[in-house]
């Protein structure tokens, strides 16, 4: 069971309060959306010990068994011009949190964090526009902390416990993530995109000089990564020239 009292003692900063905690919930993102629609303040946190309808990218489900991982969503209200920053700031915050346990996270475009080439975290940002350009954004995050996996996921997924060989308390990981994300988010209006890109590239083996295959709706494209454009799109040098992808998934790669 997640120890809410212990987490609240470890939590610093303002993000993570108020906290809505559930032993079982369909989807933290869906509940956070309801709260945001009702006017919930920025930094409101929805946390579940188990999800029965966990959401991943492209309508995929997120494996969400009880008592082992972190499944949470944050209500955010960023300036629309800075929305592109949000998933990348979250990825960097996850890398920071796992580093505290002696592990090196690797950012994989667009929204995953890997350890030893297996996914340890998935990030999902959902937005709603209202009368203003952006009413709110929901940052959803699943971090595999103590999970083991069914056979169909064992080749692609890992957890912090699997990587360091022992079980890990979830409370300090969530507290670390929130503090690191909040610190970065507070600077979002003063952070040039070029500065963020340099930090992303230093934390990712995928963003520059990596031979990859990117799967999109129209098929698969091969090329060499050349960083991000000003909107977070992946620049790929192909045989037919440069292309920019704003959606898709890296299927295979030969790292630099």
C-alpha atoms as a PDB file:
ATOM      1  CA  UNK A   1       0.000   0.000   0.000  1.00  0.00           C
ATOM      2  CA  UNK A   2       1.188   3.507  -0.800  1.00  0.00           C
ATOM      3  CA  UNK A   3       1.875   5.460   2.403  1.00  0.00           C
ATOM      4  CA  UNK A   4       0.233   8.847   1.853  1.00  0.00           C
ATOM      5  CA  UNK A   5       1.408  10.232   5.187  1.00  0.00           C
ATOM      6  CA  UNK A   6       5.019   9.327   4.458  1.00  0.00           C
ATOM      7  CA  UNK A   7       4.773  10.850   0.983  1.00  0.00           C
ATOM      8  CA  UNK A   8       3.370  14.113   2.318  1.00  0.00           C
ATOM      9  CA  UNK A   9       6.263  14.359   4.790  1.00  0.00           C
ATOM     10  CA  UNK A  10       8.751  13.917   1.946  1.00  0.00           C
ATOM     11  CA  UNK A  11       6.987  16.174  -0.559  1.00  0.00           C
ATOM     12  CA  UNK A  12       8.466  19.648  -1.015  1.00  0.00           C
ATOM     13  CA  UNK A  13       7.287  22.532  -3.129  1.00  0.00           C
ATOM     14  CA  UNK A  14       3.655  23.211  -3.992  1.00  0.00           C
ATOM     15  CA  UNK A  15       2.902  20.594  -6.653  1.00  0.00           C
ATOM     16  CA  UNK A  16       1.155  17.550  -5.238  1.00  0.00           C
ATOM     17  CA  UNK A  17      -1.304  19.460  -3.097  1.00  0.00           C
ATOM     18  CA  UNK A  18      -4.207  18.963  -3.006  1.00  0.00           C
ATOM     19  CA  UNK A  19      -3.786  15.206  -3.347  1.00  0.00           C
ATOM     20  CA  UNK A  20      -6.578  12.847  -4.377  1.00  0.00           C
ATOM     21  CA  UNK A  21      -5.492   9.294  -3.559  1.00  0.00           C
ATOM     22  CA  UNK A  22      -7.361   6.117  -4.534  1.00  0.00           C
ATOM     23  CA  UNK A  23      -6.610   2.487  -3.847  1.00  0.00           C
ATOM     24  CA  UNK A  24      -8.281   1.646  -7.162  1.00  0.00           C
ATOM     25  CA  UNK A  25      -9.263   4.034  -9.929  1.00  0.00           C
ATOM     26  CA  UNK A  26     -10.173   3.651 -13.561  1.00  0.00           C
ATOM     27  CA  UNK A  27      -7.778   6.317 -14.847  1.00  0.00           C
ATOM     28  CA  UNK A  28      -5.966   9.091 -12.986  1.00  0.00           C
ATOM     29  CA  UNK A  29      -6.012  11.178 -16.170  1.00  0.00           C
ATOM     30  CA  UNK A  30      -9.791  10.953 -16.478  1.00  0.00           C
ATOM     31  CA  UNK A  31     -10.327  11.902 -12.833  1.00  0.00           C
ATOM     32  CA  UNK A  32      -7.847  14.777 -13.105  1.00  0.00           C
ATOM     33  CA  UNK A  33      -9.697  16.036 -16.187  1.00  0.00           C
ATOM     34  CA  UNK A  34     -12.923  16.158 -14.184  1.00  0.00           C
ATOM     35  CA  UNK A  35     -11.177  18.114 -11.438  1.00  0.00           C
ATOM     36  CA  UNK A  36      -9.597  20.526 -13.922  1.00  0.00           C
ATOM     37  CA  UNK A  37     -12.956  21.124 -15.575  1.00  0.00           C
ATOM     38  CA  UNK A  38     -14.323  22.062 -12.153  1.00  0.00           C
ATOM     39  CA  UNK A  39     -11.509  24.575 -11.594  1.00  0.00           C
ATOM     40  CA  UNK A  40      -8.848  22.561  -9.748  1.00  0.00           C
ATOM     41  CA  UNK A  41      -5.681  24.534  -9.096  1.00  0.00           C
ATOM     42  CA  UNK A  42      -2.430  23.956 -10.940  1.00  0.00           C
ATOM     43  CA  UNK A  43      -0.389  21.238  -9.268  1.00  0.00           C
ATOM     44  CA  UNK A  44      -3.395  19.210  -8.110  1.00  0.00           C
ATOM     45  CA  UNK A  45      -2.318  15.558  -7.988  1.00  0.00           C
ATOM     46  CA  UNK A  46      -4.383  12.440  -8.606  1.00  0.00           C
ATOM     47  CA  UNK A  47      -2.673   9.221  -7.519  1.00  0.00           C
ATOM     48  CA  UNK A  48      -3.840   5.615  -7.671  1.00  0.00           C
ATOM     49  CA  UNK A  49      -2.419   2.443  -6.190  1.00  0.00           C
ATOM     50  CA  UNK A  50      -4.046   0.563  -9.082  1.00  0.00           C
ATOM     51  CA  UNK A  51      -5.659   1.576 -12.368  1.00  0.00           C
ATOM     52  CA  UNK A  52      -8.255  -0.526 -14.141  1.00  0.00           C
ATOM     53  CA  UNK A  53      -8.318   1.622 -17.293  1.00  0.00           C
ATOM     54  CA  UNK A  54      -4.821   3.110 -17.396  1.00  0.00           C
ATOM     55  CA  UNK A  55      -4.153   5.212 -20.494  1.00  0.00           C
ATOM     56  CA  UNK A  56      -1.131   5.157 -22.757  1.00  0.00           C
ATOM     57  CA  UNK A  57      -0.385   6.960 -25.990  1.00  0.00           C
ATOM     58  CA  UNK A  58      -2.583   6.412 -29.064  1.00  0.00           C
ATOM     59  CA  UNK A  59      -5.411   4.933 -26.990  1.00  0.00           C
ATOM     60  CA  UNK A  60      -3.171   2.129 -25.746  1.00  0.00           C
ATOM     61  CA  UNK A  61      -3.666   0.797 -22.224  1.00  0.00           C
ATOM     62  CA  UNK A  62      -1.031   1.127 -19.502  1.00  0.00           C
ATOM     63  CA  UNK A  63      -0.215  -1.944 -17.405  1.00  0.00           C
ATOM     64  CA  UNK A  64      -1.289  -0.846 -13.909  1.00  0.00           C
ATOM     65  CA  UNK A  65      -1.242  -3.644 -11.290  1.00  0.00           C
ATOM     66  CA  UNK A  66      -1.704  -2.783  -7.591  1.00  0.00           C
ATOM     67  CA  UNK A  67       0.850  -2.152  -4.830  1.00  0.00           C
ATOM     68  CA  UNK A  68       3.964  -1.815  -6.952  1.00  0.00           C
ATOM     69  CA  UNK A  69       4.162   1.218  -9.279  1.00  0.00           C
ATOM     70  CA  UNK A  70       3.298   4.902  -9.543  1.00  0.00           C
ATOM     71  CA  UNK A  71       0.263   6.020 -11.541  1.00  0.00           C
ATOM     72  CA  UNK A  72      -0.493   9.715 -11.251  1.00  0.00           C
ATOM     73  CA  UNK A  73      -1.730  12.804 -13.050  1.00  0.00           C
ATOM     74  CA  UNK A  74      -1.113  16.513 -12.518  1.00  0.00           C
ATOM     75  CA  UNK A  75      -3.403  19.385 -13.400  1.00  0.00           C
ATOM     76  CA  UNK A  76      -1.464  22.083 -15.264  1.00  0.00           C
ATOM     77  CA  UNK A  77      -2.436  25.397 -16.798  1.00  0.00           C
ATOM     78  CA  UNK A  78       0.573  26.410 -18.915  1.00  0.00           C
ATOM     79  CA  UNK A  79       0.726  29.190 -21.461  1.00  0.00           C
ATOM     80  CA  UNK A  80      -0.264  27.582 -24.776  1.00  0.00           C
ATOM     81  CA  UNK A  81       3.035  28.650 -26.341  1.00  0.00           C
ATOM     82  CA  UNK A  82       4.891  26.557 -23.739  1.00  0.00           C
ATOM     83  CA  UNK A  83       2.805  23.400 -23.900  1.00  0.00           C
ATOM     84  CA  UNK A  84       5.471  21.674 -26.013  1.00  0.00           C
ATOM     85  CA  UNK A  85       7.836  21.859 -23.042  1.00  0.00           C
ATOM     86  CA  UNK A  86       5.634  19.876 -20.651  1.00  0.00           C
ATOM     87  CA  UNK A  87       6.279  16.231 -21.657  1.00  0.00           C
ATOM     88  CA  UNK A  88       9.995  16.886 -22.041  1.00  0.00           C
ATOM     89  CA  UNK A  89      10.228  18.515 -18.600  1.00  0.00           C
ATOM     90  CA  UNK A  90       8.414  15.506 -17.167  1.00  0.00           C
ATOM     91  CA  UNK A  91      10.857  13.131 -18.857  1.00  0.00           C
ATOM     92  CA  UNK A  92      13.811  15.005 -17.406  1.00  0.00           C
ATOM     93  CA  UNK A  93      12.201  14.898 -13.962  1.00  0.00           C
ATOM     94  CA  UNK A  94      11.818  11.105 -14.212  1.00  0.00           C
ATOM     95  CA  UNK A  95      15.472  10.752 -15.236  1.00  0.00           C
ATOM     96  CA  UNK A  96      16.414  12.772 -12.147  1.00  0.00           C
ATOM     97  CA  UNK A  97      14.235  10.602  -9.885  1.00  0.00           C
ATOM     98  CA  UNK A  98      15.702   7.296 -11.097  1.00  0.00           C
ATOM     99  CA  UNK A  99      19.228   8.679 -10.918  1.00  0.00           C
ATOM    100  CA  UNK A 100      18.750   8.978  -7.152  1.00  0.00           C
ATOM    101  CA  UNK A 101      18.608   5.176  -7.188  1.00  0.00           C
ATOM    102  CA  UNK A 102      21.819   4.805  -9.145  1.00  0.00           C
ATOM    103  CA  UNK A 103      20.146   4.281 -12.526  1.00  0.00           C
ATOM    104  CA  UNK A 104      20.668   6.121 -15.807  1.00  0.00           C
ATOM    105  CA  UNK A 105      17.463   6.982 -17.593  1.00  0.00           C
ATOM    106  CA  UNK A 106      17.431   7.538 -21.343  1.00  0.00           C
ATOM    107  CA  UNK A 107      14.832   9.774 -22.966  1.00  0.00           C
ATOM    108  CA  UNK A 108      13.228   8.208 -26.021  1.00  0.00           C
ATOM    109  CA  UNK A 109      11.217  10.514 -28.245  1.00  0.00           C
ATOM    110  CA  UNK A 110       8.476  11.365 -27.864  1.00  0.00           C
ATOM    111  CA  UNK A 111       7.288  10.410 -24.375  1.00  0.00           C
ATOM    112  CA  UNK A 112       9.174   7.473 -22.877  1.00  0.00           C
ATOM    113  CA  UNK A 113      11.992   6.992 -20.387  1.00  0.00           C
ATOM    114  CA  UNK A 114      14.082   3.848 -20.778  1.00  0.00           C
ATOM    115  CA  UNK A 115      16.639   2.054 -18.645  1.00  0.00           C
ATOM    116  CA  UNK A 116      18.903  -0.349 -20.532  1.00  0.00           C
ATOM    117  CA  UNK A 117      16.681   0.057 -23.596  1.00  0.00           C
ATOM    118  CA  UNK A 118      13.493  -1.019 -21.802  1.00  0.00           C
ATOM    119  CA  UNK A 119      10.623   1.274 -20.854  1.00  0.00           C
ATOM    120  CA  UNK A 120      10.463   2.307 -17.212  1.00  0.00           C
ATOM    121  CA  UNK A 121       8.114   5.259 -17.659  1.00  0.00           C
ATOM    122  CA  UNK A 122       5.448   6.480 -20.036  1.00  0.00           C
ATOM    123  CA  UNK A 123       4.182  10.061 -20.196  1.00  0.00           C
ATOM    124  CA  UNK A 124       0.870  11.263 -21.609  1.00  0.00           C
ATOM    125  CA  UNK A 125      -0.234  14.894 -21.928  1.00  0.00           C
ATOM    126  CA  UNK A 126      -3.889  15.583 -22.668  1.00  0.00           C
ATOM    127  CA  UNK A 127      -5.180  19.081 -23.358  1.00  0.00           C
ATOM    128  CA  UNK A 128      -8.583  20.736 -23.467  1.00  0.00           C
ATOM    129  CA  UNK A 129      -9.330  24.014 -25.174  1.00  0.00           C
ATOM    130  CA  UNK A 130     -12.226  26.134 -23.997  1.00  0.00           C
ATOM    131  CA  UNK A 131     -13.049  29.765 -24.678  1.00  0.00           C
ATOM    132  CA  UNK A 132      -9.355  30.484 -24.213  1.00  0.00           C
ATOM    133  CA  UNK A 133      -6.735  28.743 -26.386  1.00  0.00           C
ATOM    134  CA  UNK A 134      -5.903  26.286 -23.617  1.00  0.00           C
ATOM    135  CA  UNK A 135      -8.169  25.610 -20.676  1.00  0.00           C
ATOM    136  CA  UNK A 136      -5.864  23.099 -18.990  1.00  0.00           C
ATOM    137  CA  UNK A 137      -3.446  20.255 -19.563  1.00  0.00           C
ATOM    138  CA  UNK A 138      -3.285  16.936 -17.756  1.00  0.00           C
ATOM    139  CA  UNK A 139       0.140  15.374 -17.323  1.00  0.00           C
ATOM    140  CA  UNK A 140      -0.225  11.643 -16.802  1.00  0.00           C
ATOM    141  CA  UNK A 141       2.723   9.516 -15.780  1.00  0.00           C
ATOM    142  CA  UNK A 142       3.273   5.844 -15.073  1.00  0.00           C
ATOM    143  CA  UNK A 143       6.576   4.830 -13.475  1.00  0.00           C
ATOM    144  CA  UNK A 144       7.407   1.154 -13.086  1.00  0.00           C
ATOM    145  CA  UNK A 145       8.887   0.944  -9.606  1.00  0.00           C
ATOM    146  CA  UNK A 146       8.545  -2.607  -8.252  1.00  0.00           C
ATOM    147  CA  UNK A 147       6.671  -4.337 -11.029  1.00  0.00           C
ATOM    148  CA  UNK A 148       7.409  -7.608 -12.761  1.00  0.00           C
ATOM    149  CA  UNK A 149       5.761  -8.186 -16.115  1.00  0.00           C
ATOM    150  CA  UNK A 150       3.755 -10.757 -18.036  1.00  0.00           C
ATOM    151  CA  UNK A 151       5.591 -12.541 -20.865  1.00  0.00           C
ATOM    152  CA  UNK A 152       4.293 -10.208 -23.570  1.00  0.00           C
ATOM    153  CA  UNK A 153       5.955  -7.195 -21.880  1.00  0.00           C
ATOM    154  CA  UNK A 154       9.192  -8.718 -20.603  1.00  0.00           C
ATOM    155  CA  UNK A 155      11.192  -7.822 -23.716  1.00  0.00           C
ATOM    156  CA  UNK A 156      10.195  -4.160 -23.695  1.00  0.00           C
ATOM    157  CA  UNK A 157       9.475  -3.119 -20.094  1.00  0.00           C
ATOM    158  CA  UNK A 158      11.488  -2.880 -16.891  1.00  0.00           C
ATOM    159  CA  UNK A 159      11.193  -1.419 -13.409  1.00  0.00           C
ATOM    160  CA  UNK A 160      13.493   0.303 -10.970  1.00  0.00           C
ATOM    161  CA  UNK A 161      13.477  -2.766  -8.713  1.00  0.00           C
ATOM    162  CA  UNK A 162      14.340  -5.093 -11.583  1.00  0.00           C
ATOM    163  CA  UNK A 163      17.291  -2.913 -12.537  1.00  0.00           C
ATOM    164  CA  UNK A 164      18.811  -2.470  -9.083  1.00  0.00           C
ATOM    165  CA  UNK A 165      17.874  -5.883  -7.702  1.00  0.00           C
ATOM    166  CA  UNK A 166      15.764  -4.818  -4.742  1.00  0.00           C
ATOM    167  CA  UNK A 167      12.350  -3.383  -3.952  1.00  0.00           C
ATOM    168  CA  UNK A 168      12.094   0.397  -3.728  1.00  0.00           C
ATOM    169  CA  UNK A 169       9.804   2.714  -1.758  1.00  0.00           C
ATOM    170  CA  UNK A 170       7.470   4.596  -4.068  1.00  0.00           C
ATOM    171  CA  UNK A 171       6.929   7.639  -1.859  1.00  0.00           C
ATOM    172  CA  UNK A 172      10.374   9.287  -2.250  1.00  0.00           C
ATOM    173  CA  UNK A 173      10.374   8.661  -6.003  1.00  0.00           C
ATOM    174  CA  UNK A 174       7.116  10.550  -6.417  1.00  0.00           C
ATOM    175  CA  UNK A 175       8.327  13.339  -4.117  1.00  0.00           C
ATOM    176  CA  UNK A 176      11.578  13.636  -6.105  1.00  0.00           C
ATOM    177  CA  UNK A 177       9.717  13.735  -9.408  1.00  0.00           C
ATOM    178  CA  UNK A 178       7.290  16.439  -8.285  1.00  0.00           C
ATOM    179  CA  UNK A 179      10.013  18.690  -6.912  1.00  0.00           C
ATOM    180  CA  UNK A 180      12.206  18.359  -9.980  1.00  0.00           C
ATOM    181  CA  UNK A 181       9.296  18.880 -12.357  1.00  0.00           C
ATOM    182  CA  UNK A 182       8.037  21.908 -10.432  1.00  0.00           C
ATOM    183  CA  UNK A 183      11.470  23.535 -10.397  1.00  0.00           C
ATOM    184  CA  UNK A 184      11.708  23.184 -14.159  1.00  0.00           C
ATOM    185  CA  UNK A 185       8.101  24.157 -14.785  1.00  0.00           C
ATOM    186  CA  UNK A 186       8.531  27.366 -12.768  1.00  0.00           C
ATOM    187  CA  UNK A 187      11.210  28.419 -15.275  1.00  0.00           C
ATOM    188  CA  UNK A 188       9.171  27.516 -18.301  1.00  0.00           C
ATOM    189  CA  UNK A 189       8.559  31.136 -19.351  1.00  0.00           C
ATOM    190  CA  UNK A 190      12.252  32.027 -19.039  1.00  0.00           C
ATOM    191  CA  UNK A 191      13.748  28.904 -20.587  1.00  0.00           C
ATOM    192  CA  UNK A 192      14.750  29.259 -24.250  1.00  0.00           C
ATOM    193  CA  UNK A 193      13.864  26.234 -26.333  1.00  0.00           C
ATOM    194  CA  UNK A 194      17.486  25.925 -27.456  1.00  0.00           C
ATOM    195  CA  UNK A 195      18.609  25.521 -23.837  1.00  0.00           C
ATOM    196  CA  UNK A 196      16.039  22.804 -23.184  1.00  0.00           C
ATOM    197  CA  UNK A 197      17.026  20.993 -26.380  1.00  0.00           C
ATOM    198  CA  UNK A 198      20.664  20.879 -25.313  1.00  0.00           C
ATOM    199  CA  UNK A 199      19.676  19.331 -21.999  1.00  0.00           C
ATOM    200  CA  UNK A 200      17.383  16.832 -23.709  1.00  0.00           C
ATOM    201  CA  UNK A 201      20.093  15.798 -26.128  1.00  0.00           C
ATOM    202  CA  UNK A 202      22.555  15.301 -23.273  1.00  0.00           C
ATOM    203  CA  UNK A 203      20.028  12.977 -21.595  1.00  0.00           C
ATOM    204  CA  UNK A 204      19.029  11.019 -24.689  1.00  0.00           C
ATOM    205  CA  UNK A 205      20.958   8.645 -26.903  1.00  0.00           C
ATOM    206  CA  UNK A 206      18.193   8.859 -29.503  1.00  0.00           C
ATOM    207  CA  UNK A 207      17.983  12.512 -30.493  1.00  0.00           C
ATOM    208  CA  UNK A 208      21.165  13.003 -32.517  1.00  0.00           C
ATOM    209  CA  UNK A 209      23.204  10.703 -34.715  1.00  0.00           C
ATOM    210  CA  UNK A 210      21.024   7.672 -34.085  1.00  0.00           C
ATOM    211  CA  UNK A 211      19.951   5.433 -36.975  1.00  0.00           C
ATOM    212  CA  UNK A 212      16.261   4.758 -36.409  1.00  0.00           C
ATOM    213  CA  UNK A 213      13.051   3.558 -37.951  1.00  0.00           C
ATOM    214  CA  UNK A 214      10.076   5.772 -37.173  1.00  0.00           C
ATOM    215  CA  UNK A 215       6.648   4.233 -37.560  1.00  0.00           C
ATOM    216  CA  UNK A 216       3.827   6.599 -38.478  1.00  0.00           C
ATOM    217  CA  UNK A 217       0.343   6.089 -39.857  1.00  0.00           C
ATOM    218  CA  UNK A 218       1.620   5.927 -43.427  1.00  0.00           C
ATOM    219  CA  UNK A 219       4.336   3.348 -42.786  1.00  0.00           C
ATOM    220  CA  UNK A 220       7.934   3.249 -41.593  1.00  0.00           C
ATOM    221  CA  UNK A 221      10.670   5.764 -42.403  1.00  0.00           C
ATOM    222  CA  UNK A 222      14.379   5.180 -41.859  1.00  0.00           C
ATOM    223  CA  UNK A 223      16.933   7.845 -41.199  1.00  0.00           C
ATOM    224  CA  UNK A 224      19.391   9.448 -38.811  1.00  0.00           C
ATOM    225  CA  UNK A 225      18.135  11.703 -36.018  1.00  0.00           C
ATOM    226  CA  UNK A 226      19.202  15.346 -36.060  1.00  0.00           C
ATOM    227  CA  UNK A 227      17.600  16.721 -32.906  1.00  0.00           C
ATOM    228  CA  UNK A 228      14.296  18.505 -32.343  1.00  0.00           C
ATOM    229  CA  UNK A 229      12.693  21.411 -34.147  1.00  0.00           C
ATOM    230  CA  UNK A 230      11.107  24.357 -32.346  1.00  0.00           C
ATOM    231  CA  UNK A 231       7.875  22.468 -31.669  1.00  0.00           C
ATOM    232  CA  UNK A 232       9.351  19.239 -30.334  1.00  0.00           C
ATOM    233  CA  UNK A 233       9.236  17.415 -33.645  1.00  0.00           C
ATOM    234  CA  UNK A 234      11.938  14.852 -34.375  1.00  0.00           C
ATOM    235  CA  UNK A 235      14.167  15.825 -37.294  1.00  0.00           C
ATOM    236  CA  UNK A 236      15.173  12.834 -39.377  1.00  0.00           C
ATOM    237  CA  UNK A 237      17.679  12.857 -42.222  1.00  0.00           C
ATOM    238  CA  UNK A 238      16.499  10.333 -44.795  1.00  0.00           C
ATOM    239  CA  UNK A 239      17.656   9.336 -48.250  1.00  0.00           C
ATOM    240  CA  UNK A 240      15.063  11.755 -49.629  1.00  0.00           C
ATOM    241  CA  UNK A 241      16.084  14.697 -47.428  1.00  0.00           C
ATOM    242  CA  UNK A 242      15.118  15.922 -43.971  1.00  0.00           C
ATOM    243  CA  UNK A 243      11.701  15.200 -42.495  1.00  0.00           C
ATOM    244  CA  UNK A 244      10.131  16.283 -39.215  1.00  0.00           C
ATOM    245  CA  UNK A 245       7.850  13.972 -37.237  1.00  0.00           C
ATOM    246  CA  UNK A 246       5.375  15.303 -34.683  1.00  0.00           C
ATOM    247  CA  UNK A 247       3.817  11.907 -34.084  1.00  0.00           C
ATOM    248  CA  UNK A 248       5.085   8.396 -34.472  1.00  0.00           C
ATOM    249  CA  UNK A 249       7.170   5.855 -32.632  1.00  0.00           C
ATOM    250  CA  UNK A 250      10.789   4.824 -32.847  1.00  0.00           C
ATOM    251  CA  UNK A 251      10.673   1.105 -33.593  1.00  0.00           C
ATOM    252  CA  UNK A 252      14.317   0.165 -33.876  1.00  0.00           C
ATOM    253  CA  UNK A 253      17.591   1.987 -33.694  1.00  0.00           C
ATOM    254  CA  UNK A 254      21.319   1.725 -33.816  1.00  0.00           C
ATOM    255  CA  UNK A 255      22.580   4.113 -31.185  1.00  0.00           C
ATOM    256  CA  UNK A 256      25.510   6.450 -31.510  1.00  0.00           C
END
